[in-house]
Amino acid sequence: MSAPRRALLVIDVQNEYVTGNLPIEYPPLSQSLPNIAKAIDAANAAGVPVVVVQHEESEDSPLFARGSHGWELHSTVAGKPRAHLIKKSMASAFAGTDLAAWLAEHEIDTLSVAGYMTHNCDASTVIHARHAGIAVEFLSDASGSLPYANDAGRVSAEEIHRAFSVVFHSSFAAAVPTAQWIAALQAGAPIARDNILLSNRRARGVL
């Protein structure tokens, strides 16, 4: 099997998720931010392009208001080399941006996703990429979620992150820790995802 032509997509690592109105809880920022930095450094060292995504809303928005401190890229990402910067206003990094064209131009066939949030912008981007025929990898400890409570119920950040990671790995993306991703990157090796049938059979104790 030929080596993957990877790009590392670093989604929305912005102050809003660190010191702003949407603090990431799980995995804790003390874990995910250093892993994001390690992934970026490893990608740059391997000659793999790093694409940084920045979410922005109108200047009067309570979240990610253009020009605000929360909108700014976090220092973990802001000072590191990157090949491309994408600004988006919807969940998927593909929606309304030049990401698909940029990946095609650079002959990228594998998208490695890190950043925030697992269950929203990461999920939208992962699924969008798979539907476009791109192989996807998800750096499970270089990403993160926060808790929700609404009329549908209450769920912790850990439950959300774990459930999405398992679902990703069953079909949409190979969900692996950053250290495993870096090892595969350095070896030029692909990372396999699982499949729905086997994932379900294990859960039912059939296998």
C-alpha atoms as a PDB file:
ATOM      1  CA  MET A   1       0.000   0.000   0.000  1.00  0.00           C
ATOM      2  CA  SER A   2       1.385   3.408  -0.940  1.00  0.00           C
ATOM      3  CA  ALA A   3       2.123   6.004   1.728  1.00  0.00           C
ATOM      4  CA  PRO A   4      -0.739   8.360   2.529  1.00  0.00           C
ATOM      5  CA  ARG A   5      -0.534  11.908   1.228  1.00  0.00           C
ATOM      6  CA  ARG A   6      -1.545  13.548   4.468  1.00  0.00           C
ATOM      7  CA  ALA A   7      -2.501  17.019   5.563  1.00  0.00           C
ATOM      8  CA  LEU A   8      -2.999  17.903   9.231  1.00  0.00           C
ATOM      9  CA  LEU A   9      -6.169  19.939   9.714  1.00  0.00           C
ATOM     10  CA  VAL A  10      -6.146  21.882  12.985  1.00  0.00           C
ATOM     11  CA  ILE A  11      -9.693  23.047  13.639  1.00  0.00           C
ATOM     12  CA  ASP A  12     -10.672  26.080  15.722  1.00  0.00           C
ATOM     13  CA  VAL A  13      -7.925  26.068  18.350  1.00  0.00           C
ATOM     14  CA  GLN A  14      -9.034  29.493  19.525  1.00  0.00           C
ATOM     15  CA  ASN A  15      -9.164  31.317  22.837  1.00  0.00           C
ATOM     16  CA  GLU A  16     -12.940  30.859  23.010  1.00  0.00           C
ATOM     17  CA  TYR A  17     -12.319  27.194  23.922  1.00  0.00           C
ATOM     18  CA  VAL A  18      -9.573  27.948  26.443  1.00  0.00           C
ATOM     19  CA  THR A  19     -10.354  31.157  28.342  1.00  0.00           C
ATOM     20  CA  GLY A  20     -13.631  32.113  26.668  1.00  0.00           C
ATOM     21  CA  ASN A  21     -17.277  31.124  26.828  1.00  0.00           C
ATOM     22  CA  LEU A  22     -16.864  27.489  25.700  1.00  0.00           C
ATOM     23  CA  PRO A  23     -14.107  25.915  27.827  1.00  0.00           C
ATOM     24  CA  ILE A  24     -13.186  22.450  26.609  1.00  0.00           C
ATOM     25  CA  GLU A  25     -13.453  19.864  29.410  1.00  0.00           C
ATOM     26  CA  TYR A  26     -12.529  16.444  28.019  1.00  0.00           C
ATOM     27  CA  PRO A  27      -9.865  15.506  27.283  1.00  0.00           C
ATOM     28  CA  PRO A  28      -8.586  18.319  29.503  1.00  0.00           C
ATOM     29  CA  LEU A  29      -6.862  21.220  27.823  1.00  0.00           C
ATOM     30  CA  SER A  30      -3.691  20.309  29.728  1.00  0.00           C
ATOM     31  CA  GLN A  31      -3.637  17.185  27.553  1.00  0.00           C
ATOM     32  CA  SER A  32      -5.138  18.251  24.239  1.00  0.00           C
ATOM     33  CA  LEU A  33      -3.221  21.503  23.729  1.00  0.00           C
ATOM     34  CA  PRO A  34       0.255  19.931  24.122  1.00  0.00           C
ATOM     35  CA  ASN A  35      -0.805  17.088  21.824  1.00  0.00           C
ATOM     36  CA  ILE A  36      -1.973  19.563  19.198  1.00  0.00           C
ATOM     37  CA  ALA A  37       1.428  21.253  19.412  1.00  0.00           C
ATOM     38  CA  LYS A  38       3.212  17.885  19.091  1.00  0.00           C
ATOM     39  CA  ALA A  39       1.113  16.965  16.062  1.00  0.00           C
ATOM     40  CA  ILE A  40       1.864  20.275  14.329  1.00  0.00           C
ATOM     41  CA  ASP A  41       5.576  19.980  15.043  1.00  0.00           C
ATOM     42  CA  ALA A  42       5.656  16.373  13.790  1.00  0.00           C
ATOM     43  CA  ALA A  43       3.765  17.285  10.632  1.00  0.00           C
ATOM     44  CA  ASN A  44       6.094  20.182   9.854  1.00  0.00           C
ATOM     45  CA  ALA A  45       9.142  17.994  10.514  1.00  0.00           C
ATOM     46  CA  ALA A  46       7.787  15.346   8.129  1.00  0.00           C
ATOM     47  CA  GLY A  47       6.941  17.828   5.392  1.00  0.00           C
ATOM     48  CA  VAL A  48       3.215  17.267   5.864  1.00  0.00           C
ATOM     49  CA  PRO A  49       1.204  20.453   5.280  1.00  0.00           C
ATOM     50  CA  VAL A  50      -0.601  21.951   8.253  1.00  0.00           C
ATOM     51  CA  VAL A  51      -3.934  23.639   7.543  1.00  0.00           C
ATOM     52  CA  VAL A  52      -5.272  25.830  10.342  1.00  0.00           C
ATOM     53  CA  VAL A  53      -8.981  26.589  10.584  1.00  0.00           C
ATOM     54  CA  GLN A  54     -10.390  29.638  12.379  1.00  0.00           C
ATOM     55  CA  HIS A  55     -14.096  30.036  13.089  1.00  0.00           C
ATOM     56  CA  GLU A  56     -15.537  33.523  12.971  1.00  0.00           C
ATOM     57  CA  GLU A  57     -18.894  35.157  13.547  1.00  0.00           C
ATOM     58  CA  SER A  58     -20.145  38.728  13.288  1.00  0.00           C
ATOM     59  CA  GLU A  59     -18.606  41.346  15.565  1.00  0.00           C
ATOM     60  CA  ASP A  60     -21.688  41.382  17.815  1.00  0.00           C
ATOM     61  CA  SER A  61     -21.831  37.608  18.279  1.00  0.00           C
ATOM     62  CA  PRO A  62     -21.484  36.177  21.818  1.00  0.00           C
ATOM     63  CA  LEU A  63     -19.096  33.543  20.425  1.00  0.00           C
ATOM     64  CA  PHE A  64     -16.109  33.861  18.079  1.00  0.00           C
ATOM     65  CA  ALA A  65     -16.846  37.516  17.347  1.00  0.00           C
ATOM     66  CA  ARG A  66     -14.512  38.638  14.597  1.00  0.00           C
ATOM     67  CA  GLY A  67     -11.650  40.652  16.100  1.00  0.00           C
ATOM     68  CA  SER A  68     -12.318  39.570  19.690  1.00  0.00           C
ATOM     69  CA  HIS A  69      -9.941  37.766  22.034  1.00  0.00           C
ATOM     70  CA  GLY A  70     -12.079  34.632  21.856  1.00  0.00           C
ATOM     71  CA  TRP A  71     -11.848  34.652  18.052  1.00  0.00           C
ATOM     72  CA  GLU A  72      -8.045  34.788  18.044  1.00  0.00           C
ATOM     73  CA  LEU A  73      -6.044  31.617  17.490  1.00  0.00           C
ATOM     74  CA  HIS A  74      -4.637  30.219  20.726  1.00  0.00           C
ATOM     75  CA  SER A  75      -0.901  30.615  21.235  1.00  0.00           C
ATOM     76  CA  THR A  76      -0.482  26.836  20.814  1.00  0.00           C
ATOM     77  CA  VAL A  77      -1.255  27.300  17.125  1.00  0.00           C
ATOM     78  CA  ALA A  78      -0.795  30.973  16.344  1.00  0.00           C
ATOM     79  CA  GLY A  79       2.997  30.996  16.266  1.00  0.00           C
ATOM     80  CA  LYS A  80       3.605  27.707  14.463  1.00  0.00           C
ATOM     81  CA  PRO A  81       4.303  27.332  10.729  1.00  0.00           C
ATOM     82  CA  ARG A  82       1.333  26.468   8.559  1.00  0.00           C
ATOM     83  CA  ALA A  83       0.719  25.913   4.885  1.00  0.00           C
ATOM     84  CA  HIS A  84      -2.768  27.374   4.698  1.00  0.00           C
ATOM     85  CA  LEU A  85      -5.288  29.291   6.823  1.00  0.00           C
ATOM     86  CA  ILE A  86      -9.029  28.811   6.418  1.00  0.00           C
ATOM     87  CA  LYS A  87     -11.685  31.025   7.954  1.00  0.00           C
ATOM     88  CA  LYS A  88     -15.141  29.529   8.262  1.00  0.00           C
ATOM     89  CA  SER A  89     -18.563  30.423   9.602  1.00  0.00           C
ATOM     90  CA  MET A  90     -20.191  26.981   9.536  1.00  0.00           C
ATOM     91  CA  ALA A  91     -19.353  23.750  11.329  1.00  0.00           C
ATOM     92  CA  SER A  92     -17.648  21.869   8.505  1.00  0.00           C
ATOM     93  CA  ALA A  93     -14.279  23.227   7.436  1.00  0.00           C
ATOM     94  CA  PHE A  94     -15.374  22.415   3.866  1.00  0.00           C
ATOM     95  CA  ALA A  95     -18.561  24.504   3.927  1.00  0.00           C
ATOM     96  CA  GLY A  96     -18.095  27.825   2.163  1.00  0.00           C
ATOM     97  CA  THR A  97     -14.285  27.542   2.066  1.00  0.00           C
ATOM     98  CA  ASP A  98     -11.558  26.562  -0.386  1.00  0.00           C
ATOM     99  CA  LEU A  99     -10.503  23.470   1.596  1.00  0.00           C
ATOM    100  CA  ALA A 100     -11.665  20.905  -0.967  1.00  0.00           C
ATOM    101  CA  ALA A 101      -9.923  22.753  -3.794  1.00  0.00           C
ATOM    102  CA  TRP A 102      -6.735  23.182  -1.750  1.00  0.00           C
ATOM    103  CA  LEU A 103      -6.605  19.479  -0.878  1.00  0.00           C
ATOM    104  CA  ALA A 104      -7.166  18.516  -4.512  1.00  0.00           C
ATOM    105  CA  GLU A 105      -4.488  20.950  -5.706  1.00  0.00           C
ATOM    106  CA  HIS A 106      -1.983  19.400  -3.299  1.00  0.00           C
ATOM    107  CA  GLU A 107      -3.101  15.829  -4.081  1.00  0.00           C
ATOM    108  CA  ILE A 108      -3.996  15.106  -0.459  1.00  0.00           C
ATOM    109  CA  ASP A 109      -5.787  11.802   0.026  1.00  0.00           C
ATOM    110  CA  THR A 110      -5.717  11.574   3.844  1.00  0.00           C
ATOM    111  CA  LEU A 111      -6.948  14.257   6.213  1.00  0.00           C
ATOM    112  CA  SER A 112      -5.736  14.104   9.825  1.00  0.00           C
ATOM    113  CA  VAL A 113      -8.080  16.067  12.080  1.00  0.00           C
ATOM    114  CA  ALA A 114      -7.251  17.704  15.414  1.00  0.00           C
ATOM    115  CA  GLY A 115      -8.805  20.569  17.333  1.00  0.00           C
ATOM    116  CA  TYR A 116     -12.241  21.499  18.609  1.00  0.00           C
ATOM    117  CA  MET A 117     -14.968  20.493  19.099  1.00  0.00           C
ATOM    118  CA  THR A 118     -15.040  16.718  18.668  1.00  0.00           C
ATOM    119  CA  HIS A 119     -18.817  16.575  18.345  1.00  0.00           C
ATOM    120  CA  ASN A 120     -19.420  19.675  16.247  1.00  0.00           C
ATOM    121  CA  CYS A 121     -16.860  21.104  13.830  1.00  0.00           C
ATOM    122  CA  ASP A 122     -14.627  18.033  13.953  1.00  0.00           C
ATOM    123  CA  ALA A 123     -17.560  15.685  13.341  1.00  0.00           C
ATOM    124  CA  SER A 124     -18.978  17.788  10.519  1.00  0.00           C
ATOM    125  CA  THR A 125     -15.593  17.977   8.829  1.00  0.00           C
ATOM    126  CA  VAL A 126     -14.788  14.286   9.297  1.00  0.00           C
ATOM    127  CA  ILE A 127     -18.092  13.170   7.781  1.00  0.00           C
ATOM    128  CA  HIS A 128     -17.848  15.714   4.974  1.00  0.00           C
ATOM    129  CA  ALA A 129     -14.371  14.459   4.095  1.00  0.00           C
ATOM    130  CA  ARG A 130     -15.419  10.794   4.068  1.00  0.00           C
ATOM    131  CA  HIS A 131     -18.369  11.556   1.815  1.00  0.00           C
ATOM    132  CA  ALA A 132     -15.914  13.289  -0.525  1.00  0.00           C
ATOM    133  CA  GLY A 133     -13.820  10.117  -0.727  1.00  0.00           C
ATOM    134  CA  ILE A 134     -10.963  11.321   1.483  1.00  0.00           C
ATOM    135  CA  ALA A 135      -9.463   8.986   4.090  1.00  0.00           C
ATOM    136  CA  VAL A 136      -9.675  10.524   7.550  1.00  0.00           C
ATOM    137  CA  GLU A 137      -7.708  10.192  10.778  1.00  0.00           C
ATOM    138  CA  PHE A 138      -8.887  11.672  14.080  1.00  0.00           C
ATOM    139  CA  LEU A 139      -6.386  12.519  16.806  1.00  0.00           C
ATOM    140  CA  SER A 140      -8.495  11.537  19.786  1.00  0.00           C
ATOM    141  CA  ASP A 141      -6.351  13.166  22.481  1.00  0.00           C
ATOM    142  CA  ALA A 142      -5.648  16.311  20.440  1.00  0.00           C
ATOM    143  CA  SER A 143      -9.305  17.278  20.340  1.00  0.00           C
ATOM    144  CA  GLY A 144     -12.047  17.747  22.898  1.00  0.00           C
ATOM    145  CA  SER A 145     -15.634  18.273  23.948  1.00  0.00           C
ATOM    146  CA  LEU A 146     -17.684  20.171  26.514  1.00  0.00           C
ATOM    147  CA  PRO A 147     -20.869  19.144  28.349  1.00  0.00           C
ATOM    148  CA  TYR A 148     -24.432  19.878  27.228  1.00  0.00           C
ATOM    149  CA  ALA A 149     -27.809  20.033  28.928  1.00  0.00           C
ATOM    150  CA  ASN A 150     -31.051  20.827  27.114  1.00  0.00           C
ATOM    151  CA  ASP A 151     -34.589  19.483  26.660  1.00  0.00           C
ATOM    152  CA  ALA A 152     -33.195  16.308  25.114  1.00  0.00           C
ATOM    153  CA  GLY A 153     -31.159  15.490  28.211  1.00  0.00           C
ATOM    154  CA  ARG A 154     -27.789  15.978  29.874  1.00  0.00           C
ATOM    155  CA  VAL A 155     -24.443  14.529  28.804  1.00  0.00           C
ATOM    156  CA  SER A 156     -20.896  15.006  30.048  1.00  0.00           C
ATOM    157  CA  ALA A 157     -17.962  16.102  27.934  1.00  0.00           C
ATOM    158  CA  GLU A 158     -16.308  12.715  28.446  1.00  0.00           C
ATOM    159  CA  GLU A 159     -19.400  10.834  27.286  1.00  0.00           C
ATOM    160  CA  ILE A 160     -19.719  12.996  24.187  1.00  0.00           C
ATOM    161  CA  HIS A 161     -16.054  12.716  23.248  1.00  0.00           C
ATOM    162  CA  ARG A 162     -15.855   8.981  23.861  1.00  0.00           C
ATOM    163  CA  ALA A 163     -19.053   8.237  21.931  1.00  0.00           C
ATOM    164  CA  PHE A 164     -18.017  10.302  18.925  1.00  0.00           C
ATOM    165  CA  SER A 165     -14.521   8.783  18.899  1.00  0.00           C
ATOM    166  CA  VAL A 166     -15.968   5.260  18.903  1.00  0.00           C
ATOM    167  CA  VAL A 167     -18.457   6.126  16.159  1.00  0.00           C
ATOM    168  CA  PHE A 168     -15.727   7.760  14.069  1.00  0.00           C
ATOM    169  CA  HIS A 169     -13.526   4.670  14.342  1.00  0.00           C
ATOM    170  CA  SER A 170     -16.390   2.370  13.347  1.00  0.00           C
ATOM    171  CA  SER A 171     -16.785   4.002   9.954  1.00  0.00           C
ATOM    172  CA  PHE A 172     -15.691   7.567   9.333  1.00  0.00           C
ATOM    173  CA  ALA A 173     -12.125   7.969  10.624  1.00  0.00           C
ATOM    174  CA  ALA A 174      -9.302   6.081  12.265  1.00  0.00           C
ATOM    175  CA  ALA A 175      -9.470   7.469  15.805  1.00  0.00           C
ATOM    176  CA  VAL A 176      -6.067   7.163  17.470  1.00  0.00           C
ATOM    177  CA  PRO A 177      -3.909   8.902  20.103  1.00  0.00           C
ATOM    178  CA  THR A 178      -1.443  11.499  18.915  1.00  0.00           C
ATOM    179  CA  ALA A 179       1.584   9.300  19.687  1.00  0.00           C
ATOM    180  CA  GLN A 180       0.240   6.548  17.437  1.00  0.00           C
ATOM    181  CA  TRP A 181      -0.513   9.061  14.691  1.00  0.00           C
ATOM    182  CA  ILE A 182       3.004  10.500  14.874  1.00  0.00           C
ATOM    183  CA  ALA A 183       4.514   7.004  14.638  1.00  0.00           C
ATOM    184  CA  ALA A 184       2.438   6.273  11.527  1.00  0.00           C
ATOM    185  CA  LEU A 185       3.334   9.673  10.088  1.00  0.00           C
ATOM    186  CA  GLN A 186       7.049   9.053  10.540  1.00  0.00           C
ATOM    187  CA  ALA A 187       6.725   5.561   9.043  1.00  0.00           C
ATOM    188  CA  GLY A 188       4.656   6.795   6.112  1.00  0.00           C
ATOM    189  CA  ALA A 189       2.052   4.209   7.045  1.00  0.00           C
ATOM    190  CA  PRO A 190      -1.746   4.396   6.840  1.00  0.00           C
ATOM    191  CA  ILE A 191      -3.918   3.890   9.923  1.00  0.00           C
ATOM    192  CA  ALA A 192      -6.886   1.576   9.541  1.00  0.00           C
ATOM    193  CA  ARG A 193     -10.316   2.350  10.915  1.00  0.00           C
ATOM    194  CA  ASP A 194     -12.664  -0.417  12.034  1.00  0.00           C
ATOM    195  CA  ASN A 195     -16.114  -1.150  10.594  1.00  0.00           C
ATOM    196  CA  ILE A 196     -19.695  -0.992  11.778  1.00  0.00           C
ATOM    197  CA  LEU A 197     -20.378  -4.734  11.748  1.00  0.00           C
ATOM    198  CA  LEU A 198     -17.369  -5.743  13.823  1.00  0.00           C
ATOM    199  CA  SER A 199     -17.779  -2.802  16.187  1.00  0.00           C
ATOM    200  CA  ASN A 200     -21.347  -3.850  16.877  1.00  0.00           C
ATOM    201  CA  ARG A 201     -20.531  -7.550  17.234  1.00  0.00           C
ATOM    202  CA  ARG A 202     -17.860  -6.801  19.825  1.00  0.00           C
ATOM    203  CA  ALA A 203     -20.307  -4.664  21.790  1.00  0.00           C
ATOM    204  CA  ARG A 204     -22.872  -7.499  21.734  1.00  0.00           C
ATOM    205  CA  GLY A 205     -20.255 -10.045  22.767  1.00  0.00           C
ATOM    206  CA  VAL A 206     -20.633 -11.972  19.502  1.00  0.00           C
ATOM    207  CA  LEU A 207     -16.907 -11.902  18.765  1.00  0.00           C
END
